[in-house]
């Protein structure tokens, strides 16, 4: 297995575990996978760092649950904070 694939699979595992108990939103693991798959399709004719693109697609909504619990929290900023810990 290539390093790229190993890292993406590791991120997928982390994200899927994070969303296991998220029952309140359409922003769940399946949403992240849809975004991930769309990004891969849209990037076919572009020169991009696929690891960064795939990681961003999978991690982009991690902060949604914090925002749901406390609307003063910006989910995008919280998602960045959480992604930096991974």
PDB file of N, CA and C in Angstrom:
ATOM      1  N   UNK A   1       0.853  -1.182   0.000  1.00  0.00           N
ATOM      2  CA  UNK A   1       0.000   0.000   0.000  1.00  0.00           C
ATOM      3  C   UNK A   1       0.896   1.241   0.000  1.00  0.00           C
ATOM      4  N   UNK A   2       0.574   2.166  -0.847  1.00  0.00           N
ATOM      5  CA  UNK A   2       1.339   3.402  -0.923  1.00  0.00           C
ATOM      6  C   UNK A   2       1.098   4.258   0.315  1.00  0.00           C
ATOM      7  N   UNK A   3       2.056   5.114   0.606  1.00  0.00           N
ATOM      8  CA  UNK A   3       1.947   6.005   1.764  1.00  0.00           C
ATOM      9  C   UNK A   3       0.717   6.905   1.662  1.00  0.00           C
ATOM     10  N   UNK A   4       0.454   7.420   0.474  1.00  0.00           N
ATOM     11  CA  UNK A   4      -0.716   8.280   0.255  1.00  0.00           C
ATOM     12  C   UNK A   4      -1.998   7.535   0.638  1.00  0.00           C
ATOM     13  N   UNK A   5      -2.147   6.340   0.120  1.00  0.00           N
ATOM     14  CA  UNK A   5      -3.341   5.536   0.396  1.00  0.00           C
ATOM     15  C   UNK A   5      -3.444   5.199   1.886  1.00  0.00           C
ATOM     16  N   UNK A   6      -2.315   4.891   2.502  1.00  0.00           N
ATOM     17  CA  UNK A   6      -2.308   4.575   3.930  1.00  0.00           C
ATOM     18  C   UNK A   6      -2.780   5.773   4.751  1.00  0.00           C
ATOM     19  N   UNK A   7      -2.289   6.961   4.417  1.00  0.00           N
ATOM     20  CA  UNK A   7      -2.685   8.166   5.150  1.00  0.00           C
ATOM     21  C   UNK A   7      -4.164   8.483   4.955  1.00  0.00           C
ATOM     22  N   UNK A   8      -4.661   8.361   3.728  1.00  0.00           N
ATOM     23  CA  UNK A   8      -6.080   8.624   3.465  1.00  0.00           C
ATOM     24  C   UNK A   8      -6.944   7.623   4.229  1.00  0.00           C
ATOM     25  N   UNK A   9      -6.554   6.358   4.237  1.00  0.00           N
ATOM     26  CA  UNK A   9      -7.318   5.353   4.990  1.00  0.00           C
ATOM     27  C   UNK A   9      -7.301   5.635   6.485  1.00  0.00           C
ATOM     28  N   UNK A  10      -6.170   6.095   6.988  1.00  0.00           N
ATOM     29  CA  UNK A  10      -6.079   6.454   8.404  1.00  0.00           C
ATOM     30  C   UNK A  10      -7.016   7.623   8.724  1.00  0.00           C
ATOM     31  N   UNK A  11      -7.041   8.624   7.857  1.00  0.00           N
ATOM     32  CA  UNK A  11      -7.951   9.763   8.054  1.00  0.00           C
ATOM     33  C   UNK A  11      -9.400   9.296   7.982  1.00  0.00           C
ATOM     34  N   UNK A  12      -9.720   8.430   7.025  1.00  0.00           N
ATOM     35  CA  UNK A  12     -11.086   7.894   6.920  1.00  0.00           C
ATOM     36  C   UNK A  12     -11.492   7.189   8.212  1.00  0.00           C
ATOM     37  N   UNK A  13     -10.596   6.395   8.772  1.00  0.00           N
ATOM     38  CA  UNK A  13     -10.897   5.695  10.028  1.00  0.00           C
ATOM     39  C   UNK A  13     -11.156   6.674  11.165  1.00  0.00           C
ATOM     40  N   UNK A  14     -10.332   7.693  11.268  1.00  0.00           N
ATOM     41  CA  UNK A  14     -10.503   8.701  12.321  1.00  0.00           C
ATOM     42  C   UNK A  14     -11.833   9.422  12.147  1.00  0.00           C
ATOM     43  N   UNK A  15     -12.127   9.840  10.919  1.00  0.00           N
ATOM     44  CA  UNK A  15     -13.361  10.583  10.652  1.00  0.00           C
ATOM     45  C   UNK A  15     -14.584   9.704  10.894  1.00  0.00           C
ATOM     46  N   UNK A  16     -14.545   8.449  10.468  1.00  0.00           N
ATOM     47  CA  UNK A  16     -15.706   7.571  10.679  1.00  0.00           C
ATOM     48  C   UNK A  16     -15.958   7.354  12.165  1.00  0.00           C
ATOM     49  N   UNK A  17     -14.907   7.219  12.956  1.00  0.00           N
ATOM     50  CA  UNK A  17     -15.081   7.073  14.410  1.00  0.00           C
ATOM     51  C   UNK A  17     -15.644   8.350  15.021  1.00  0.00           C
ATOM     52  N   UNK A  18     -15.179   9.488  14.530  1.00  0.00           N
ATOM     53  CA  UNK A  18     -15.681  10.764  15.039  1.00  0.00           C
ATOM     54  C   UNK A  18     -17.188  10.874  14.832  1.00  0.00           C
ATOM     55  N   UNK A  19     -17.660  10.439  13.666  1.00  0.00           N
ATOM     56  CA  UNK A  19     -19.075  10.594  13.333  1.00  0.00           C
ATOM     57  C   UNK A  19     -19.967   9.473  13.872  1.00  0.00           C
ATOM     58  N   UNK A  20     -19.420   8.461  14.522  1.00  0.00           N
ATOM     59  CA  UNK A  20     -20.224   7.335  15.009  1.00  0.00           C
ATOM     60  C   UNK A  20     -21.417   7.767  15.847  1.00  0.00           C
ATOM     61  N   UNK A  21     -21.263   8.767  16.670  1.00  0.00           N
ATOM     62  CA  UNK A  21     -22.336   9.192  17.571  1.00  0.00           C
ATOM     63  C   UNK A  21     -22.975  10.510  17.160  1.00  0.00           C
ATOM     64  N   UNK A  22     -22.794  10.907  15.918  1.00  0.00           N
ATOM     65  CA  UNK A  22     -23.371  12.153  15.428  1.00  0.00           C
ATOM     66  C   UNK A  22     -24.696  11.835  14.745  1.00  0.00           C
ATOM     67  N   UNK A  23     -25.790  11.938  15.505  1.00  0.00           N
ATOM     68  CA  UNK A  23     -27.109  11.568  15.002  1.00  0.00           C
ATOM     69  C   UNK A  23     -27.930  12.776  14.576  1.00  0.00           C
ATOM     70  N   UNK A  24     -27.396  13.965  14.687  1.00  0.00           N
ATOM     71  CA  UNK A  24     -28.206  15.170  14.601  1.00  0.00           C
ATOM     72  C   UNK A  24     -28.068  15.945  13.300  1.00  0.00           C
ATOM     73  N   UNK A  25     -27.283  15.472  12.387  1.00  0.00           N
ATOM     74  CA  UNK A  25     -26.976  16.315  11.242  1.00  0.00           C
ATOM     75  C   UNK A  25     -26.824  15.488   9.980  1.00  0.00           C
ATOM     76  N   UNK A  26     -27.095  16.117   8.861  1.00  0.00           N
ATOM     77  CA  UNK A  26     -26.795  15.506   7.577  1.00  0.00           C
ATOM     78  C   UNK A  26     -25.312  15.585   7.263  1.00  0.00           C
ATOM     79  N   UNK A  27     -24.584  16.293   8.112  1.00  0.00           N
ATOM     80  CA  UNK A  27     -23.136  16.405   7.952  1.00  0.00           C
ATOM     81  C   UNK A  27     -22.490  15.274   8.741  1.00  0.00           C
ATOM     82  N   UNK A  28     -22.560  14.083   8.173  1.00  0.00           N
ATOM     83  CA  UNK A  28     -22.043  12.891   8.827  1.00  0.00           C
ATOM     84  C   UNK A  28     -20.941  12.283   7.959  1.00  0.00           C
ATOM     85  N   UNK A  29     -20.551  11.063   8.286  1.00  0.00           N
ATOM     86  CA  UNK A  29     -19.465  10.423   7.545  1.00  0.00           C
ATOM     87  C   UNK A  29     -19.826  10.244   6.070  1.00  0.00           C
ATOM     88  N   UNK A  30     -21.069   9.884   5.781  1.00  0.00           N
ATOM     89  CA  UNK A  30     -21.444   9.694   4.375  1.00  0.00           C
ATOM     90  C   UNK A  30     -21.352  11.018   3.610  1.00  0.00           C
ATOM     91  N   UNK A  31     -21.659  12.132   4.273  1.00  0.00           N
ATOM     92  CA  UNK A  31     -21.500  13.450   3.640  1.00  0.00           C
ATOM     93  C   UNK A  31     -20.024  13.695   3.318  1.00  0.00           C
ATOM     94  N   UNK A  32     -19.154  13.408   4.271  1.00  0.00           N
ATOM     95  CA  UNK A  32     -17.720  13.606   4.034  1.00  0.00           C
ATOM     96  C   UNK A  32     -17.227  12.732   2.883  1.00  0.00           C
ATOM     97  N   UNK A  33     -17.735  11.507   2.789  1.00  0.00           N
ATOM     98  CA  UNK A  33     -17.342  10.636   1.681  1.00  0.00           C
ATOM     99  C   UNK A  33     -17.863  11.158   0.340  1.00  0.00           C
ATOM    100  N   UNK A  34     -19.072  11.718   0.331  1.00  0.00           N
ATOM    101  CA  UNK A  34     -19.596  12.302  -0.909  1.00  0.00           C
ATOM    102  C   UNK A  34     -18.723  13.478  -1.355  1.00  0.00           C
ATOM    103  N   UNK A  35     -18.355  14.334  -0.408  1.00  0.00           N
ATOM    104  CA  UNK A  35     -17.480  15.472  -0.728  1.00  0.00           C
ATOM    105  C   UNK A  35     -16.133  14.958  -1.227  1.00  0.00           C
ATOM    106  N   UNK A  36     -15.595  13.965  -0.556  1.00  0.00           N
ATOM    107  CA  UNK A  36     -14.323  13.337  -0.941  1.00  0.00           C
ATOM    108  C   UNK A  36     -14.391  12.823  -2.382  1.00  0.00           C
ATOM    109  N   UNK A  37     -15.449  12.086  -2.702  1.00  0.00           N
ATOM    110  CA  UNK A  37     -15.592  11.527  -4.049  1.00  0.00           C
ATOM    111  C   UNK A  37     -15.786  12.616  -5.101  1.00  0.00           C
ATOM    112  N   UNK A  38     -16.564  13.638  -4.780  1.00  0.00           N
ATOM    113  CA  UNK A  38     -16.747  14.754  -5.716  1.00  0.00           C
ATOM    114  C   UNK A  38     -15.436  15.489  -5.971  1.00  0.00           C
ATOM    115  N   UNK A  39     -14.661  15.702  -4.923  1.00  0.00           N
ATOM    116  CA  UNK A  39     -13.367  16.375  -5.079  1.00  0.00           C
ATOM    117  C   UNK A  39     -12.440  15.576  -5.989  1.00  0.00           C
ATOM    118  N   UNK A  40     -12.463  14.267  -5.844  1.00  0.00           N
ATOM    119  CA  UNK A  40     -11.619  13.432  -6.702  1.00  0.00           C
ATOM    120  C   UNK A  40     -12.039  13.554  -8.165  1.00  0.00           C
ATOM    121  N   UNK A  41     -13.342  13.584  -8.413  1.00  0.00           N
ATOM    122  CA  UNK A  41     -13.838  13.728  -9.786  1.00  0.00           C
ATOM    123  C   UNK A  41     -13.475  15.102 -10.347  1.00  0.00           C
ATOM    124  N   UNK A  42     -13.744  16.151  -9.573  1.00  0.00           N
ATOM    125  CA  UNK A  42     -13.495  17.516 -10.044  1.00  0.00           C
ATOM    126  C   UNK A  42     -12.013  17.813 -10.253  1.00  0.00           C
ATOM    127  N   UNK A  43     -11.156  17.084  -9.575  1.00  0.00           N
ATOM    128  CA  UNK A  43      -9.719  17.353  -9.666  1.00  0.00           C
ATOM    129  C   UNK A  43      -9.041  16.615 -10.814  1.00  0.00           C
ATOM    130  N   UNK A  44      -9.781  15.795 -11.539  1.00  0.00           N
ATOM    131  CA  UNK A  44      -9.164  14.965 -12.577  1.00  0.00           C
ATOM    132  C   UNK A  44      -8.391  15.772 -13.614  1.00  0.00           C
ATOM    133  N   UNK A  45      -8.852  16.954 -13.947  1.00  0.00           N
ATOM    134  CA  UNK A  45      -8.176  17.775 -14.958  1.00  0.00           C
ATOM    135  C   UNK A  45      -7.376  18.922 -14.348  1.00  0.00           C
ATOM    136  N   UNK A  46      -7.118  18.837 -13.060  1.00  0.00           N
ATOM    137  CA  UNK A  46      -6.397  19.898 -12.355  1.00  0.00           C
ATOM    138  C   UNK A  46      -5.091  19.349 -11.791  1.00  0.00           C
ATOM    139  N   UNK A  47      -4.155  20.237 -11.597  1.00  0.00           N
ATOM    140  CA  UNK A  47      -2.910  19.859 -10.934  1.00  0.00           C
ATOM    141  C   UNK A  47      -3.025  20.259  -9.474  1.00  0.00           C
ATOM    142  N   UNK A  48      -3.306  19.291  -8.640  1.00  0.00           N
ATOM    143  CA  UNK A  48      -3.473  19.550  -7.210  1.00  0.00           C
ATOM    144  C   UNK A  48      -2.720  18.489  -6.415  1.00  0.00           C
ATOM    145  N   UNK A  49      -2.432  18.824  -5.188  1.00  0.00           N
ATOM    146  CA  UNK A  49      -1.868  17.845  -4.263  1.00  0.00           C
ATOM    147  C   UNK A  49      -3.034  17.003  -3.761  1.00  0.00           C
ATOM    148  N   UNK A  50      -3.146  15.789  -4.273  1.00  0.00           N
ATOM    149  CA  UNK A  50      -4.309  14.954  -3.968  1.00  0.00           C
ATOM    150  C   UNK A  50      -4.407  14.607  -2.486  1.00  0.00           C
ATOM    151  N   UNK A  51      -3.297  14.442  -1.811  1.00  0.00           N
ATOM    152  CA  UNK A  51      -3.360  14.125  -0.387  1.00  0.00           C
ATOM    153  C   UNK A  51      -3.996  15.273   0.386  1.00  0.00           C
ATOM    154  N   UNK A  52      -3.603  16.488   0.078  1.00  0.00           N
ATOM    155  CA  UNK A  52      -4.191  17.651   0.754  1.00  0.00           C
ATOM    156  C   UNK A  52      -5.668  17.770   0.412  1.00  0.00           C
ATOM    157  N   UNK A  53      -6.012  17.608  -0.851  1.00  0.00           N
ATOM    158  CA  UNK A  53      -7.408  17.704  -1.272  1.00  0.00           C
ATOM    159  C   UNK A  53      -8.269  16.643  -0.592  1.00  0.00           C
ATOM    160  N   UNK A  54      -7.806  15.407  -0.592  1.00  0.00           N
ATOM    161  CA  UNK A  54      -8.581  14.320   0.002  1.00  0.00           C
ATOM    162  C   UNK A  54      -8.718  14.497   1.515  1.00  0.00           C
ATOM    163  N   UNK A  55      -7.638  14.897   2.166  1.00  0.00           N
ATOM    164  CA  UNK A  55      -7.702  15.134   3.613  1.00  0.00           C
ATOM    165  C   UNK A  55      -8.677  16.261   3.925  1.00  0.00           C
ATOM    166  N   UNK A  56      -8.599  17.351   3.172  1.00  0.00           N
ATOM    167  CA  UNK A  56      -9.501  18.487   3.404  1.00  0.00           C
ATOM    168  C   UNK A  56     -10.956  18.085   3.198  1.00  0.00           C
ATOM    169  N   UNK A  57     -11.224  17.307   2.171  1.00  0.00           N
ATOM    170  CA  UNK A  57     -12.597  16.868   1.903  1.00  0.00           C
ATOM    171  C   UNK A  57     -13.139  16.026   3.055  1.00  0.00           C
ATOM    172  N   UNK A  58     -12.313  15.156   3.585  1.00  0.00           N
ATOM    173  CA  UNK A  58     -12.759  14.277   4.674  1.00  0.00           C
ATOM    174  C   UNK A  58     -12.905  15.018   6.000  1.00  0.00           C
ATOM    175  N   UNK A  59     -12.079  16.020   6.232  1.00  0.00           N
ATOM    176  CA  UNK A  59     -12.025  16.688   7.535  1.00  0.00           C
ATOM    177  C   UNK A  59     -12.828  17.985   7.610  1.00  0.00           C
ATOM    178  N   UNK A  60     -13.392  18.434   6.514  1.00  0.00           N
ATOM    179  CA  UNK A  60     -13.936  19.794   6.434  1.00  0.00           C
ATOM    180  C   UNK A  60     -15.079  20.094   7.399  1.00  0.00           C
ATOM    181  N   UNK A  61     -15.815  19.119   7.860  1.00  0.00           N
ATOM    182  CA  UNK A  61     -16.980  19.384   8.718  1.00  0.00           C
ATOM    183  C   UNK A  61     -16.848  18.837  10.140  1.00  0.00           C
ATOM    184  N   UNK A  62     -15.660  18.531  10.575  1.00  0.00           N
ATOM    185  CA  UNK A  62     -15.505  17.963  11.919  1.00  0.00           C
ATOM    186  C   UNK A  62     -16.055  18.867  13.015  1.00  0.00           C
ATOM    187  N   UNK A  63     -16.075  20.164  12.793  1.00  0.00           N
ATOM    188  CA  UNK A  63     -16.534  21.105  13.817  1.00  0.00           C
ATOM    189  C   UNK A  63     -18.036  21.308  13.864  1.00  0.00           C
ATOM    190  N   UNK A  64     -18.792  20.663  13.002  1.00  0.00           N
ATOM    191  CA  UNK A  64     -20.253  20.860  12.952  1.00  0.00           C
ATOM    192  C   UNK A  64     -20.931  20.566  14.284  1.00  0.00           C
ATOM    193  N   UNK A  65     -20.545  19.504  14.942  1.00  0.00           N
ATOM    194  CA  UNK A  65     -21.207  19.129  16.199  1.00  0.00           C
ATOM    195  C   UNK A  65     -20.984  20.189  17.269  1.00  0.00           C
ATOM    196  N   UNK A  66     -19.780  20.780  17.303  1.00  0.00           N
ATOM    197  CA  UNK A  66     -19.514  21.857  18.270  1.00  0.00           C
ATOM    198  C   UNK A  66     -20.414  23.053  17.986  1.00  0.00           C
ATOM    199  N   UNK A  67     -20.567  23.395  16.711  1.00  0.00           N
ATOM    200  CA  UNK A  67     -21.416  24.516  16.330  1.00  0.00           C
ATOM    201  C   UNK A  67     -22.879  24.230  16.666  1.00  0.00           C
ATOM    202  N   UNK A  68     -23.302  22.979  16.481  1.00  0.00           N
ATOM    203  CA  UNK A  68     -24.686  22.617  16.810  1.00  0.00           C
ATOM    204  C   UNK A  68     -24.948  22.809  18.299  1.00  0.00           C
ATOM    205  N   UNK A  69     -23.977  22.421  19.114  1.00  0.00           N
ATOM    206  CA  UNK A  69     -24.128  22.556  20.570  1.00  0.00           C
ATOM    207  C   UNK A  69     -24.003  24.001  21.041  1.00  0.00           C
ATOM    208  N   UNK A  70     -23.185  24.780  20.328  1.00  0.00           N
ATOM    209  CA  UNK A  70     -22.937  26.167  20.716  1.00  0.00           C
ATOM    210  C   UNK A  70     -22.829  27.013  19.446  1.00  0.00           C
ATOM    211  N   UNK A  71     -23.929  27.663  19.040  1.00  0.00           N
ATOM    212  CA  UNK A  71     -23.941  28.419  17.782  1.00  0.00           C
ATOM    213  C   UNK A  71     -22.903  29.539  17.688  1.00  0.00           C
ATOM    214  N   UNK A  72     -22.310  29.932  18.796  1.00  0.00           N
ATOM    215  CA  UNK A  72     -21.275  30.966  18.713  1.00  0.00           C
ATOM    216  C   UNK A  72     -19.948  30.402  18.193  1.00  0.00           C
ATOM    217  N   UNK A  73     -19.840  29.091  18.103  1.00  0.00           N
ATOM    218  CA  UNK A  73     -18.637  28.456  17.561  1.00  0.00           C
ATOM    219  C   UNK A  73     -18.785  28.346  16.050  1.00  0.00           C
ATOM    220  N   UNK A  74     -17.786  28.799  15.332  1.00  0.00           N
ATOM    221  CA  UNK A  74     -17.764  28.682  13.875  1.00  0.00           C
ATOM    222  C   UNK A  74     -17.242  27.291  13.517  1.00  0.00           C
ATOM    223  N   UNK A  75     -18.073  26.499  12.852  1.00  0.00           N
ATOM    224  CA  UNK A  75     -17.675  25.115  12.579  1.00  0.00           C
ATOM    225  C   UNK A  75     -16.443  25.027  11.686  1.00  0.00           C
ATOM    226  N   UNK A  76     -16.264  25.982  10.787  1.00  0.00           N
ATOM    227  CA  UNK A  76     -15.094  25.948   9.906  1.00  0.00           C
ATOM    228  C   UNK A  76     -13.806  26.120  10.712  1.00  0.00           C
ATOM    229  N   UNK A  77     -13.812  27.084  11.622  1.00  0.00           N
ATOM    230  CA  UNK A  77     -12.631  27.304  12.462  1.00  0.00           C
ATOM    231  C   UNK A  77     -12.380  26.107  13.374  1.00  0.00           C
ATOM    232  N   UNK A  78     -13.452  25.548  13.934  1.00  0.00           N
ATOM    233  CA  UNK A  78     -13.310  24.379  14.806  1.00  0.00           C
ATOM    234  C   UNK A  78     -12.813  23.178  14.001  1.00  0.00           C
ATOM    235  N   UNK A  79     -13.281  23.047  12.764  1.00  0.00           N
ATOM    236  CA  UNK A  79     -12.824  21.949  11.913  1.00  0.00           C
ATOM    237  C   UNK A  79     -11.324  22.042  11.658  1.00  0.00           C
ATOM    238  N   UNK A  80     -10.833  23.255  11.424  1.00  0.00           N
ATOM    239  CA  UNK A  80      -9.389  23.454  11.226  1.00  0.00           C
ATOM    240  C   UNK A  80      -8.634  23.052  12.486  1.00  0.00           C
ATOM    241  N   UNK A  81      -9.129  23.507  13.632  1.00  0.00           N
ATOM    242  CA  UNK A  81      -8.484  23.181  14.914  1.00  0.00           C
ATOM    243  C   UNK A  81      -8.415  21.667  15.112  1.00  0.00           C
ATOM    244  N   UNK A  82      -9.512  20.978  14.857  1.00  0.00           N
ATOM    245  CA  UNK A  82      -9.549  19.523  15.031  1.00  0.00           C
ATOM    246  C   UNK A  82      -8.654  18.818  14.014  1.00  0.00           C
ATOM    247  N   UNK A  83      -8.665  19.288  12.778  1.00  0.00           N
ATOM    248  CA  UNK A  83      -7.844  18.668  11.735  1.00  0.00           C
ATOM    249  C   UNK A  83      -6.357  18.800  12.053  1.00  0.00           C
ATOM    250  N   UNK A  84      -5.966  19.918  12.647  1.00  0.00           N
ATOM    251  CA  UNK A  84      -4.558  20.122  12.988  1.00  0.00           C
ATOM    252  C   UNK A  84      -4.086  19.138  14.054  1.00  0.00           C
ATOM    253  N   UNK A  85      -5.005  18.580  14.814  1.00  0.00           N
ATOM    254  CA  UNK A  85      -4.650  17.622  15.858  1.00  0.00           C
ATOM    255  C   UNK A  85      -4.456  16.207  15.304  1.00  0.00           C
ATOM    256  N   UNK A  86      -4.869  16.008  14.069  1.00  0.00           N
ATOM    257  CA  UNK A  86      -4.796  14.660  13.474  1.00  0.00           C
ATOM    258  C   UNK A  86      -3.448  14.455  12.803  1.00  0.00           C
TER     259      UNK A  86
END
